C-alpha atoms as a PDB file:
ATOM      1  CA  MET A   1       5.018  13.871  -4.650  1.00  0.00           C
ATOM      2  CA  MET A   2       5.699  10.230  -5.396  1.00  0.00           C
ATOM      3  CA  ILE A   3       3.086   7.490  -5.836  1.00  0.00           C
ATOM      4  CA  ALA A   4       3.639   3.783  -5.207  1.00  0.00           C
ATOM      5  CA  PHE A   5       1.598   0.548  -5.313  1.00  0.00           C
ATOM      6  CA  VAL A   6       2.180  -1.768  -2.275  1.00  0.00           C
ATOM      7  CA  LEU A   7       1.023  -5.315  -3.004  1.00  0.00           C
ATOM      8  CA  ILE A   8       0.404  -7.122   0.177  1.00  0.00           C
ATOM      9  CA  VAL A   9       0.072 -10.879   0.985  1.00  0.00           C
ATOM     10  CA  THR A  10      -1.768 -11.500   4.223  1.00  0.00           C
ATOM     11  CA  LYS A  11      -2.449 -14.362   6.568  1.00  0.00           C
ATOM     12  CA  PRO A  12      -5.837 -15.925   6.065  1.00  0.00           C
ATOM     13  CA  ASP A  13      -8.834 -13.900   7.412  1.00  0.00           C
ATOM     14  CA  THR A  14      -6.838 -10.764   8.176  1.00  0.00           C
ATOM     15  CA  GLU A  15      -7.607  -8.826   5.068  1.00  0.00           C
ATOM     16  CA  GLU A  16     -10.250  -6.714   6.713  1.00  0.00           C
ATOM     17  CA  GLN A  17      -8.140  -5.832   9.683  1.00  0.00           C
ATOM     18  CA  ILE A  18      -5.359  -4.630   7.313  1.00  0.00           C
ATOM     19  CA  LEU A  19      -7.700  -2.761   5.065  1.00  0.00           C
ATOM     20  CA  SER A  20      -8.956  -0.957   8.133  1.00  0.00           C
ATOM     21  CA  LYS A  21      -5.413  -0.087   9.349  1.00  0.00           C
ATOM     22  CA  LEU A  22      -4.626   1.224   5.783  1.00  0.00           C
ATOM     23  CA  SER A  23      -7.659   3.509   5.820  1.00  0.00           C
ATOM     24  CA  GLU A  24      -6.294   5.173   9.040  1.00  0.00           C
ATOM     25  CA  HIS A  25      -3.224   6.575   7.217  1.00  0.00           C
ATOM     26  CA  GLU A  26      -3.087   9.707   5.185  1.00  0.00           C
ATOM     27  CA  GLU A  27      -0.321   8.165   3.023  1.00  0.00           C
ATOM     28  CA  VAL A  28      -2.818   5.698   1.663  1.00  0.00           C
ATOM     29  CA  ILE A  29      -4.841   7.088  -1.353  1.00  0.00           C
ATOM     30  CA  GLU A  30      -6.661   3.809  -2.156  1.00  0.00           C
ATOM     31  CA  ALA A  31      -6.686   0.282  -0.939  1.00  0.00           C
ATOM     32  CA  HIS A  32      -8.327  -2.724  -2.702  1.00  0.00           C
ATOM     33  CA  PHE A  33      -9.066  -6.455  -1.634  1.00  0.00           C
ATOM     34  CA  VAL A  34      -8.008  -8.306  -4.875  1.00  0.00           C
ATOM     35  CA  THR A  35      -7.719 -11.722  -6.312  1.00  0.00           C
ATOM     36  CA  GLY A  36      -4.549 -13.388  -7.495  1.00  0.00           C
ATOM     37  CA  GLU A  37      -1.073 -13.747  -5.968  1.00  0.00           C
ATOM     38  CA  PHE A  38      -1.570 -10.703  -3.631  1.00  0.00           C
ATOM     39  CA  ASP A  39      -4.516 -10.062  -1.325  1.00  0.00           C
ATOM     40  CA  ILE A  40      -4.417  -6.225  -1.092  1.00  0.00           C
ATOM     41  CA  ILE A  41      -3.161  -3.507  -3.291  1.00  0.00           C
ATOM     42  CA  ALA A  42      -2.625  -0.095  -1.695  1.00  0.00           C
ATOM     43  CA  LYS A  43      -1.859   3.119  -3.675  1.00  0.00           C
ATOM     44  CA  VAL A  44       0.243   5.310  -1.423  1.00  0.00           C
ATOM     45  CA  ARG A  45       1.978   8.651  -1.557  1.00  0.00           C
ATOM     46  CA  GLY A  46       4.979  10.194  -0.117  1.00  0.00           C
ATOM     47  CA  LYS A  47       7.226  13.278  -0.692  1.00  0.00           C
ATOM     48  CA  ASP A  48       9.998  10.985  -1.938  1.00  0.00           C
ATOM     49  CA  ILE A  49      11.168   7.300  -2.109  1.00  0.00           C
ATOM     50  CA  ARG A  50      12.618   7.386   1.409  1.00  0.00           C
ATOM     51  CA  GLU A  51       9.178   8.554   2.919  1.00  0.00           C
ATOM     52  CA  ILE A  52       7.367   5.752   1.076  1.00  0.00           C
ATOM     53  CA  SER A  53      10.042   3.140   2.052  1.00  0.00           C
ATOM     54  CA  GLU A  54       9.672   4.149   5.694  1.00  0.00           C
ATOM     55  CA  PHE A  55       5.883   3.870   5.676  1.00  0.00           C
ATOM     56  CA  VAL A  56       6.088   0.356   4.142  1.00  0.00           C
ATOM     57  CA  SER A  57       8.858  -0.939   6.312  1.00  0.00           C
ATOM     58  CA  LYS A  58       8.068   0.685   9.625  1.00  0.00           C
ATOM     59  CA  LYS A  59       4.293   0.534   9.388  1.00  0.00           C
ATOM     60  CA  ILE A  60       2.771  -1.994   6.893  1.00  0.00           C
ATOM     61  CA  ARG A  61       5.345  -4.706   7.277  1.00  0.00           C
ATOM     62  CA  THR A  62       5.004  -4.670  11.091  1.00  0.00           C
ATOM     63  CA  TRP A  63       1.228  -5.179  11.194  1.00  0.00           C
ATOM     64  CA  GLU A  64      -0.106  -8.513  12.436  1.00  0.00           C
ATOM     65  CA  GLY A  65      -1.356 -10.451   9.437  1.00  0.00           C
ATOM     66  CA  VAL A  66       0.982  -9.001   6.782  1.00  0.00           C
ATOM     67  CA  GLN A  67       3.197 -11.825   5.407  1.00  0.00           C
ATOM     68  CA  ARG A  68       4.957 -10.087   2.587  1.00  0.00           C
ATOM     69  CA  THR A  69       4.908  -6.882   0.509  1.00  0.00           C
ATOM     70  CA  VAL A  70       6.171  -5.798  -2.894  1.00  0.00           C
ATOM     71  CA  THR A  71       6.430  -2.077  -3.631  1.00  0.00           C
ATOM     72  CA  ALA A  72       6.224  -0.666  -7.210  1.00  0.00           C
ATOM     73  CA  LEU A  73       7.029   3.048  -7.720  1.00  0.00           C
ATOM     74  CA  SER A  74       4.935   4.829 -10.357  1.00  0.00           C
ATOM     75  CA  ILE A  75       7.313   6.503 -12.836  1.00  0.00           C
ATOM     76  CA  LYS A  76       4.629   8.018 -15.128  1.00  0.00           C
ATOM     77  CA  GLU A  77       0.896   8.262 -14.973  1.00  0.00           C
ATOM     78  CA  ILE A  78      -0.934   8.029 -18.216  1.00  0.00           C
ATOM     79  CA  LYS A  79      -4.423   8.251 -17.110  1.00  0.00           C
ATOM     80  CA  GLY A  80      -5.801   8.922 -13.595  1.00  0.00           C
ATOM     81  CA  LYS A  81      -6.517  11.519 -10.958  1.00  0.00           C
ATOM     82  CA  SER A  82      -3.162  13.059  -9.993  1.00  0.00           C
ATOM     83  CA  THR A  83      -4.734  15.806  -7.749  1.00  0.00           C
ATOM     84  CA  TYR A  84      -3.107  14.408  -4.534  1.00  0.00           C
END
């Protein structure tokens, strides 16, 4: 199982809509509305890089209100709840 963090830039006033869509998908472990350069950070899981890539490119990036994404793959967890 692989974990990735998807950083999402949204159009104004679409954050709640996108957070709601994220919550509908089992790939999404956590989703947060944040401050800074990005508007939302989602922690997602997949069996491999390809599965994560397909979820991001074929789902998240196609949603109304999503302007841009950056995906960072987790290569090692130091502290957390890896019981996914």
